[in-house]
């Protein structure tokens, strides 16, 4: 819920920092993601990408800390 006053990282949660591109600096909630899902990266909706509303930004693991990557690097935008 975007209006939740406690919106933010949950202690003990799993988050991935997005690096580069239109979502730079945001945290992706990866709670419940399997190691395979984390290794695949993410295709995220982004209104600020090259394709505007409805477009997506591709991110892939940029740095691995043990089992879970801590950062996803931007690979480009897709329609």
PDB file of N, CA and C in Angstrom:
ATOM      1  N   UNK A   1       0.839  -1.183   0.000  1.00  0.00           N
ATOM      2  CA  UNK A   1       0.000   0.000   0.000  1.00  0.00           C
ATOM      3  C   UNK A   1       0.885   1.247   0.000  1.00  0.00           C
ATOM      4  N   UNK A   2       0.866   2.062  -1.049  1.00  0.00           N
ATOM      5  CA  UNK A   2       1.723   3.249  -1.122  1.00  0.00           C
ATOM      6  C   UNK A   2       1.440   4.284  -0.042  1.00  0.00           C
ATOM      7  N   UNK A   3       0.244   4.246   0.565  1.00  0.00           N
ATOM      8  CA  UNK A   3      -0.090   5.214   1.613  1.00  0.00           C
ATOM      9  C   UNK A   3       0.297   4.729   3.004  1.00  0.00           C
ATOM     10  N   UNK A   4       0.874   3.558   3.103  1.00  0.00           N
ATOM     11  CA  UNK A   4       1.287   2.991   4.384  1.00  0.00           C
ATOM     12  C   UNK A   4       2.405   3.846   4.977  1.00  0.00           C
ATOM     13  N   UNK A   5       2.219   4.380   6.199  1.00  0.00           N
ATOM     14  CA  UNK A   5       3.267   5.213   6.801  1.00  0.00           C
ATOM     15  C   UNK A   5       4.529   4.426   7.137  1.00  0.00           C
ATOM     16  N   UNK A   6       4.432   3.108   7.219  1.00  0.00           N
ATOM     17  CA  UNK A   6       5.587   2.270   7.540  1.00  0.00           C
ATOM     18  C   UNK A   6       6.194   1.645   6.291  1.00  0.00           C
ATOM     19  N   UNK A   7       5.909   2.222   5.133  1.00  0.00           N
ATOM     20  CA  UNK A   7       6.436   1.699   3.884  1.00  0.00           C
ATOM     21  C   UNK A   7       7.958   1.783   3.907  1.00  0.00           C
ATOM     22  N   UNK A   8       8.601   0.697   3.633  1.00  0.00           N
ATOM     23  CA  UNK A   8      10.062   0.664   3.616  1.00  0.00           C
ATOM     24  C   UNK A   8      10.549  -0.740   3.880  1.00  0.00           C
ATOM     25  N   UNK A   9      11.860  -0.910   3.915  1.00  0.00           N
ATOM     26  CA  UNK A   9      12.418  -2.247   4.142  1.00  0.00           C
ATOM     27  C   UNK A   9      11.955  -2.853   5.465  1.00  0.00           C
ATOM     28  N   UNK A  10      11.653  -4.131   5.421  1.00  0.00           N
ATOM     29  CA  UNK A  10      11.248  -4.884   6.604  1.00  0.00           C
ATOM     30  C   UNK A  10      12.500  -5.504   7.206  1.00  0.00           C
ATOM     31  N   UNK A  11      12.728  -5.336   8.511  1.00  0.00           N
ATOM     32  CA  UNK A  11      13.910  -5.959   9.116  1.00  0.00           C
ATOM     33  C   UNK A  11      13.946  -7.460   8.820  1.00  0.00           C
ATOM     34  N   UNK A  12      15.098  -7.940   8.385  1.00  0.00           N
ATOM     35  CA  UNK A  12      15.255  -9.349   8.055  1.00  0.00           C
ATOM     36  C   UNK A  12      14.781  -9.705   6.659  1.00  0.00           C
ATOM     37  N   UNK A  13      14.288  -8.726   5.910  1.00  0.00           N
ATOM     38  CA  UNK A  13      13.807  -8.968   4.556  1.00  0.00           C
ATOM     39  C   UNK A  13      14.959  -9.143   3.581  1.00  0.00           C
ATOM     40  N   UNK A  14      14.622  -9.525   2.364  1.00  0.00           N
ATOM     41  CA  UNK A  14      15.610  -9.710   1.304  1.00  0.00           C
ATOM     42  C   UNK A  14      15.331  -8.651   0.242  1.00  0.00           C
ATOM     43  N   UNK A  15      16.307  -7.795   0.008  1.00  0.00           N
ATOM     44  CA  UNK A  15      16.147  -6.704  -0.948  1.00  0.00           C
ATOM     45  C   UNK A  15      17.340  -6.656  -1.881  1.00  0.00           C
ATOM     46  N   UNK A  16      17.091  -6.214  -3.099  1.00  0.00           N
ATOM     47  CA  UNK A  16      18.136  -6.064  -4.103  1.00  0.00           C
ATOM     48  C   UNK A  16      18.133  -4.596  -4.526  1.00  0.00           C
ATOM     49  N   UNK A  17      19.302  -3.963  -4.513  1.00  0.00           N
ATOM     50  CA  UNK A  17      19.415  -2.577  -4.953  1.00  0.00           C
ATOM     51  C   UNK A  17      19.485  -2.540  -6.476  1.00  0.00           C
ATOM     52  N   UNK A  18      18.694  -1.669  -7.090  1.00  0.00           N
ATOM     53  CA  UNK A  18      18.713  -1.499  -8.538  1.00  0.00           C
ATOM     54  C   UNK A  18      19.732  -0.419  -8.881  1.00  0.00           C
ATOM     55  N   UNK A  19      20.631  -0.738  -9.814  1.00  0.00           N
ATOM     56  CA  UNK A  19      21.735   0.157 -10.155  1.00  0.00           C
ATOM     57  C   UNK A  19      21.647   0.536 -11.632  1.00  0.00           C
ATOM     58  N   UNK A  20      21.580   1.833 -11.906  1.00  0.00           N
ATOM     59  CA  UNK A  20      21.510   2.327 -13.273  1.00  0.00           C
ATOM     60  C   UNK A  20      20.088   2.333 -13.800  1.00  0.00           C
ATOM     61  N   UNK A  21      19.916   2.954 -14.954  1.00  0.00           N
ATOM     62  CA  UNK A  21      18.611   2.980 -15.598  1.00  0.00           C
ATOM     63  C   UNK A  21      17.586   3.809 -14.856  1.00  0.00           C
ATOM     64  N   UNK A  22      16.328   3.695 -15.268  1.00  0.00           N
ATOM     65  CA  UNK A  22      15.275   4.541 -14.716  1.00  0.00           C
ATOM     66  C   UNK A  22      14.905   4.225 -13.268  1.00  0.00           C
ATOM     67  N   UNK A  23      15.281   3.064 -12.762  1.00  0.00           N
ATOM     68  CA  UNK A  23      14.931   2.689 -11.387  1.00  0.00           C
ATOM     69  C   UNK A  23      16.138   2.742 -10.452  1.00  0.00           C
ATOM     70  N   UNK A  24      17.191   3.424 -10.872  1.00  0.00           N
ATOM     71  CA  UNK A  24      18.433   3.514 -10.109  1.00  0.00           C
ATOM     72  C   UNK A  24      18.185   3.944  -8.664  1.00  0.00           C
ATOM     73  N   UNK A  25      18.792   3.206  -7.738  1.00  0.00           N
ATOM     74  CA  UNK A  25      18.713   3.543  -6.325  1.00  0.00           C
ATOM     75  C   UNK A  25      17.528   2.952  -5.591  1.00  0.00           C
ATOM     76  N   UNK A  26      16.572   2.378  -6.294  1.00  0.00           N
ATOM     77  CA  UNK A  26      15.414   1.794  -5.628  1.00  0.00           C
ATOM     78  C   UNK A  26      15.742   0.391  -5.130  1.00  0.00           C
ATOM     79  N   UNK A  27      14.995  -0.047  -4.127  1.00  0.00           N
ATOM     80  CA  UNK A  27      15.137  -1.403  -3.614  1.00  0.00           C
ATOM     81  C   UNK A  27      14.018  -2.270  -4.169  1.00  0.00           C
ATOM     82  N   UNK A  28      14.391  -3.452  -4.625  1.00  0.00           N
ATOM     83  CA  UNK A  28      13.430  -4.434  -5.115  1.00  0.00           C
ATOM     84  C   UNK A  28      13.187  -5.442  -4.000  1.00  0.00           C
ATOM     85  N   UNK A  29      11.940  -5.611  -3.616  1.00  0.00           N
ATOM     86  CA  UNK A  29      11.565  -6.577  -2.585  1.00  0.00           C
ATOM     87  C   UNK A  29      11.686  -7.977  -3.178  1.00  0.00           C
ATOM     88  N   UNK A  30      12.657  -8.739  -2.700  1.00  0.00           N
ATOM     89  CA  UNK A  30      12.889 -10.091  -3.211  1.00  0.00           C
ATOM     90  C   UNK A  30      12.567 -11.147  -2.157  1.00  0.00           C
ATOM     91  N   UNK A  31      11.744 -10.786  -1.191  1.00  0.00           N
ATOM     92  CA  UNK A  31      11.346 -11.736  -0.155  1.00  0.00           C
ATOM     93  C   UNK A  31      10.596 -12.883  -0.826  1.00  0.00           C
ATOM     94  N   UNK A  32      11.015 -14.101  -0.578  1.00  0.00           N
ATOM     95  CA  UNK A  32      10.364 -15.277  -1.144  1.00  0.00           C
ATOM     96  C   UNK A  32      10.906 -15.708  -2.494  1.00  0.00           C
ATOM     97  N   UNK A  33      11.850 -14.959  -3.068  1.00  0.00           N
ATOM     98  CA  UNK A  33      12.429 -15.348  -4.348  1.00  0.00           C
ATOM     99  C   UNK A  33      13.397 -16.504  -4.138  1.00  0.00           C
ATOM    100  N   UNK A  34      13.391 -17.459  -5.039  1.00  0.00           N
ATOM    101  CA  UNK A  34      14.340 -18.575  -4.978  1.00  0.00           C
ATOM    102  C   UNK A  34      15.693 -18.107  -5.513  1.00  0.00           C
ATOM    103  N   UNK A  35      16.767 -18.838  -5.204  1.00  0.00           N
ATOM    104  CA  UNK A  35      18.076 -18.488  -5.774  1.00  0.00           C
ATOM    105  C   UNK A  35      18.048 -18.456  -7.303  1.00  0.00           C
ATOM    106  N   UNK A  36      17.280 -19.347  -7.927  1.00  0.00           N
ATOM    107  CA  UNK A  36      17.174 -19.353  -9.387  1.00  0.00           C
ATOM    108  C   UNK A  36      16.491 -18.083  -9.898  1.00  0.00           C
ATOM    109  N   UNK A  37      15.430 -17.668  -9.231  1.00  0.00           N
ATOM    110  CA  UNK A  37      14.749 -16.433  -9.627  1.00  0.00           C
ATOM    111  C   UNK A  37      15.679 -15.229  -9.489  1.00  0.00           C
ATOM    112  N   UNK A  38      16.456 -15.190  -8.420  1.00  0.00           N
ATOM    113  CA  UNK A  38      17.409 -14.097  -8.237  1.00  0.00           C
ATOM    114  C   UNK A  38      18.490 -14.127  -9.310  1.00  0.00           C
ATOM    115  N   UNK A  39      18.927 -15.308  -9.697  1.00  0.00           N
ATOM    116  CA  UNK A  39      19.961 -15.436 -10.730  1.00  0.00           C
ATOM    117  C   UNK A  39      19.443 -14.983 -12.095  1.00  0.00           C
ATOM    118  N   UNK A  40      18.127 -15.080 -12.316  1.00  0.00           N
ATOM    119  CA  UNK A  40      17.528 -14.673 -13.590  1.00  0.00           C
ATOM    120  C   UNK A  40      17.391 -13.163 -13.728  1.00  0.00           C
ATOM    121  N   UNK A  41      17.398 -12.437 -12.618  1.00  0.00           N
ATOM    122  CA  UNK A  41      17.186 -10.995 -12.685  1.00  0.00           C
ATOM    123  C   UNK A  41      15.706 -10.675 -12.755  1.00  0.00           C
ATOM    124  N   UNK A  42      15.388  -9.468 -13.249  1.00  0.00           N
ATOM    125  CA  UNK A  42      13.991  -9.042 -13.249  1.00  0.00           C
ATOM    126  C   UNK A  42      13.697  -8.124 -14.427  1.00  0.00           C
ATOM    127  N   UNK A  43      12.488  -8.225 -14.933  1.00  0.00           N
ATOM    128  CA  UNK A  43      11.967  -7.333 -15.960  1.00  0.00           C
ATOM    129  C   UNK A  43      10.866  -6.532 -15.269  1.00  0.00           C
ATOM    130  N   UNK A  44      11.137  -5.254 -14.998  1.00  0.00           N
ATOM    131  CA  UNK A  44      10.274  -4.451 -14.140  1.00  0.00           C
ATOM    132  C   UNK A  44       9.566  -3.346 -14.919  1.00  0.00           C
ATOM    133  N   UNK A  45       8.288  -3.151 -14.642  1.00  0.00           N
ATOM    134  CA  UNK A  45       7.549  -2.054 -15.274  1.00  0.00           C
ATOM    135  C   UNK A  45       8.151  -0.729 -14.820  1.00  0.00           C
ATOM    136  N   UNK A  46       8.282   0.193 -15.775  1.00  0.00           N
ATOM    137  CA  UNK A  46       8.855   1.497 -15.465  1.00  0.00           C
ATOM    138  C   UNK A  46       8.281   2.545 -16.400  1.00  0.00           C
ATOM    139  N   UNK A  47       7.638   3.547 -15.837  1.00  0.00           N
ATOM    140  CA  UNK A  47       7.097   4.638 -16.645  1.00  0.00           C
ATOM    141  C   UNK A  47       8.191   5.598 -17.088  1.00  0.00           C
ATOM    142  N   UNK A  48       9.362   5.526 -16.458  1.00  0.00           N
ATOM    143  CA  UNK A  48      10.447   6.461 -16.765  1.00  0.00           C
ATOM    144  C   UNK A  48      11.450   5.898 -17.759  1.00  0.00           C
ATOM    145  N   UNK A  49      11.227   4.704 -18.263  1.00  0.00           N
ATOM    146  CA  UNK A  49      12.142   4.091 -19.217  1.00  0.00           C
ATOM    147  C   UNK A  49      11.972   4.654 -20.618  1.00  0.00           C
ATOM    148  N   UNK A  50      12.725   4.111 -21.554  1.00  0.00           N
ATOM    149  CA  UNK A  50      12.727   4.584 -22.939  1.00  0.00           C
ATOM    150  C   UNK A  50      11.370   4.429 -23.627  1.00  0.00           C
ATOM    151  N   UNK A  51      10.522   3.518 -23.139  1.00  0.00           N
ATOM    152  CA  UNK A  51       9.243   3.253 -23.793  1.00  0.00           C
ATOM    153  C   UNK A  51       8.055   3.845 -23.044  1.00  0.00           C
ATOM    154  N   UNK A  52       8.320   4.649 -22.021  1.00  0.00           N
ATOM    155  CA  UNK A  52       7.257   5.325 -21.284  1.00  0.00           C
ATOM    156  C   UNK A  52       6.340   4.361 -20.554  1.00  0.00           C
ATOM    157  N   UNK A  53       5.114   4.823 -20.225  1.00  0.00           N
ATOM    158  CA  UNK A  53       4.175   3.969 -19.501  1.00  0.00           C
ATOM    159  C   UNK A  53       3.944   2.640 -20.223  1.00  0.00           C
ATOM    160  N   UNK A  54       3.995   1.566 -19.477  1.00  0.00           N
ATOM    161  CA  UNK A  54       3.811   0.232 -20.049  1.00  0.00           C
ATOM    162  C   UNK A  54       5.111  -0.421 -20.468  1.00  0.00           C
ATOM    163  N   UNK A  55       6.194   0.353 -20.520  1.00  0.00           N
ATOM    164  CA  UNK A  55       7.496  -0.218 -20.859  1.00  0.00           C
ATOM    165  C   UNK A  55       8.106  -0.931 -19.666  1.00  0.00           C
ATOM    166  N   UNK A  56       9.177  -1.654 -19.934  1.00  0.00           N
ATOM    167  CA  UNK A  56       9.842  -2.404 -18.867  1.00  0.00           C
ATOM    168  C   UNK A  56      11.339  -2.146 -18.909  1.00  0.00           C
ATOM    169  N   UNK A  57      11.957  -2.280 -17.747  1.00  0.00           N
ATOM    170  CA  UNK A  57      13.406  -2.140 -17.626  1.00  0.00           C
ATOM    171  C   UNK A  57      13.972  -3.478 -17.177  1.00  0.00           C
ATOM    172  N   UNK A  58      14.993  -3.943 -17.881  1.00  0.00           N
ATOM    173  CA  UNK A  58      15.613  -5.235 -17.576  1.00  0.00           C
ATOM    174  C   UNK A  58      16.791  -5.032 -16.629  1.00  0.00           C
ATOM    175  N   UNK A  59      16.818  -5.820 -15.560  1.00  0.00           N
ATOM    176  CA  UNK A  59      17.903  -5.793 -14.579  1.00  0.00           C
ATOM    177  C   UNK A  59      18.402  -7.215 -14.367  1.00  0.00           C
ATOM    178  N   UNK A  60      19.718  -7.362 -14.187  1.00  0.00           N
ATOM    179  CA  UNK A  60      20.301  -8.681 -13.924  1.00  0.00           C
ATOM    180  C   UNK A  60      21.295  -8.571 -12.779  1.00  0.00           C
ATOM    181  N   UNK A  61      21.612  -9.702 -12.137  1.00  0.00           N
ATOM    182  CA  UNK A  61      22.536  -9.655 -11.005  1.00  0.00           C
ATOM    183  C   UNK A  61      23.848  -8.974 -11.391  1.00  0.00           C
ATOM    184  N   UNK A  62      24.271  -8.028 -10.548  1.00  0.00           N
ATOM    185  CA  UNK A  62      25.501  -7.285 -10.810  1.00  0.00           C
ATOM    186  C   UNK A  62      26.601  -7.663  -9.830  1.00  0.00           C
ATOM    187  N   UNK A  63      26.234  -8.178  -8.696  1.00  0.00           N
ATOM    188  CA  UNK A  63      27.199  -8.500  -7.651  1.00  0.00           C
ATOM    189  C   UNK A  63      26.580  -9.599  -6.792  1.00  0.00           C
ATOM    190  N   UNK A  64      27.337 -10.604  -6.473  1.00  0.00           N
ATOM    191  CA  UNK A  64      26.791 -11.718  -5.695  1.00  0.00           C
ATOM    192  C   UNK A  64      27.447 -11.756  -4.321  1.00  0.00           C
ATOM    193  N   UNK A  65      26.615 -11.788  -3.296  1.00  0.00           N
ATOM    194  CA  UNK A  65      27.071 -11.941  -1.915  1.00  0.00           C
ATOM    195  C   UNK A  65      26.545 -13.281  -1.419  1.00  0.00           C
ATOM    196  N   UNK A  66      27.347 -14.316  -1.496  1.00  0.00           N
ATOM    197  CA  UNK A  66      26.883 -15.628  -1.077  1.00  0.00           C
ATOM    198  C   UNK A  66      25.834 -16.140  -2.042  1.00  0.00           C
ATOM    199  N   UNK A  67      24.689 -16.532  -1.521  1.00  0.00           N
ATOM    200  CA  UNK A  67      23.630 -17.113  -2.339  1.00  0.00           C
ATOM    201  C   UNK A  67      22.824 -16.039  -3.065  1.00  0.00           C
ATOM    202  N   UNK A  68      22.590 -14.909  -2.406  1.00  0.00           N
ATOM    203  CA  UNK A  68      21.707 -13.888  -2.962  1.00  0.00           C
ATOM    204  C   UNK A  68      22.491 -12.704  -3.506  1.00  0.00           C
ATOM    205  N   UNK A  69      22.160 -12.249  -4.710  1.00  0.00           N
ATOM    206  CA  UNK A  69      22.805 -11.031  -5.209  1.00  0.00           C
ATOM    207  C   UNK A  69      22.298  -9.828  -4.419  1.00  0.00           C
ATOM    208  N   UNK A  70      23.163  -8.865  -4.190  1.00  0.00           N
ATOM    209  CA  UNK A  70      22.761  -7.670  -3.456  1.00  0.00           C
ATOM    210  C   UNK A  70      22.402  -6.522  -4.393  1.00  0.00           C
ATOM    211  N   UNK A  71      22.779  -6.644  -5.675  1.00  0.00           N
ATOM    212  CA  UNK A  71      22.513  -5.576  -6.631  1.00  0.00           C
ATOM    213  C   UNK A  71      22.128  -6.163  -7.985  1.00  0.00           C
ATOM    214  N   UNK A  72      21.195  -5.491  -8.651  1.00  0.00           N
ATOM    215  CA  UNK A  72      20.853  -5.809 -10.035  1.00  0.00           C
ATOM    216  C   UNK A  72      21.260  -4.610 -10.882  1.00  0.00           C
ATOM    217  N   UNK A  73      22.021  -4.851 -11.933  1.00  0.00           N
ATOM    218  CA  UNK A  73      22.430  -3.791 -12.843  1.00  0.00           C
ATOM    219  C   UNK A  73      21.475  -3.687 -14.020  1.00  0.00           C
ATOM    220  N   UNK A  74      21.258  -2.470 -14.476  1.00  0.00           N
ATOM    221  CA  UNK A  74      20.354  -2.198 -15.592  1.00  0.00           C
ATOM    222  C   UNK A  74      20.955  -2.698 -16.889  1.00  0.00           C
ATOM    223  N   UNK A  75      20.165  -3.394 -17.705  1.00  0.00           N
ATOM    224  CA  UNK A  75      20.614  -3.921 -18.996  1.00  0.00           C
ATOM    225  C   UNK A  75      19.946  -3.219 -20.167  1.00  0.00           C
ATOM    226  N   UNK A  76      18.897  -2.470 -19.931  1.00  0.00           N
ATOM    227  CA  UNK A  76      18.210  -1.763 -21.003  1.00  0.00           C
ATOM    228  C   UNK A  76      16.702  -1.787 -20.812  1.00  0.00           C
ATOM    229  N   UNK A  77      16.008  -1.095 -21.699  1.00  0.00           N
ATOM    230  CA  UNK A  77      14.548  -1.016 -21.644  1.00  0.00           C
ATOM    231  C   UNK A  77      13.938  -1.770 -22.819  1.00  0.00           C
ATOM    232  N   UNK A  78      12.763  -2.315 -22.597  1.00  0.00           N
ATOM    233  CA  UNK A  78      12.036  -3.040 -23.641  1.00  0.00           C
ATOM    234  C   UNK A  78      10.577  -2.574 -23.631  1.00  0.00           C
ATOM    235  N   UNK A  79       9.890  -2.674 -24.789  1.00  0.00           N
ATOM    236  CA  UNK A  79       8.482  -2.238 -24.829  1.00  0.00           C
ATOM    237  C   UNK A  79       7.578  -3.152 -24.018  1.00  0.00           C
TER     238      UNK A  79
END
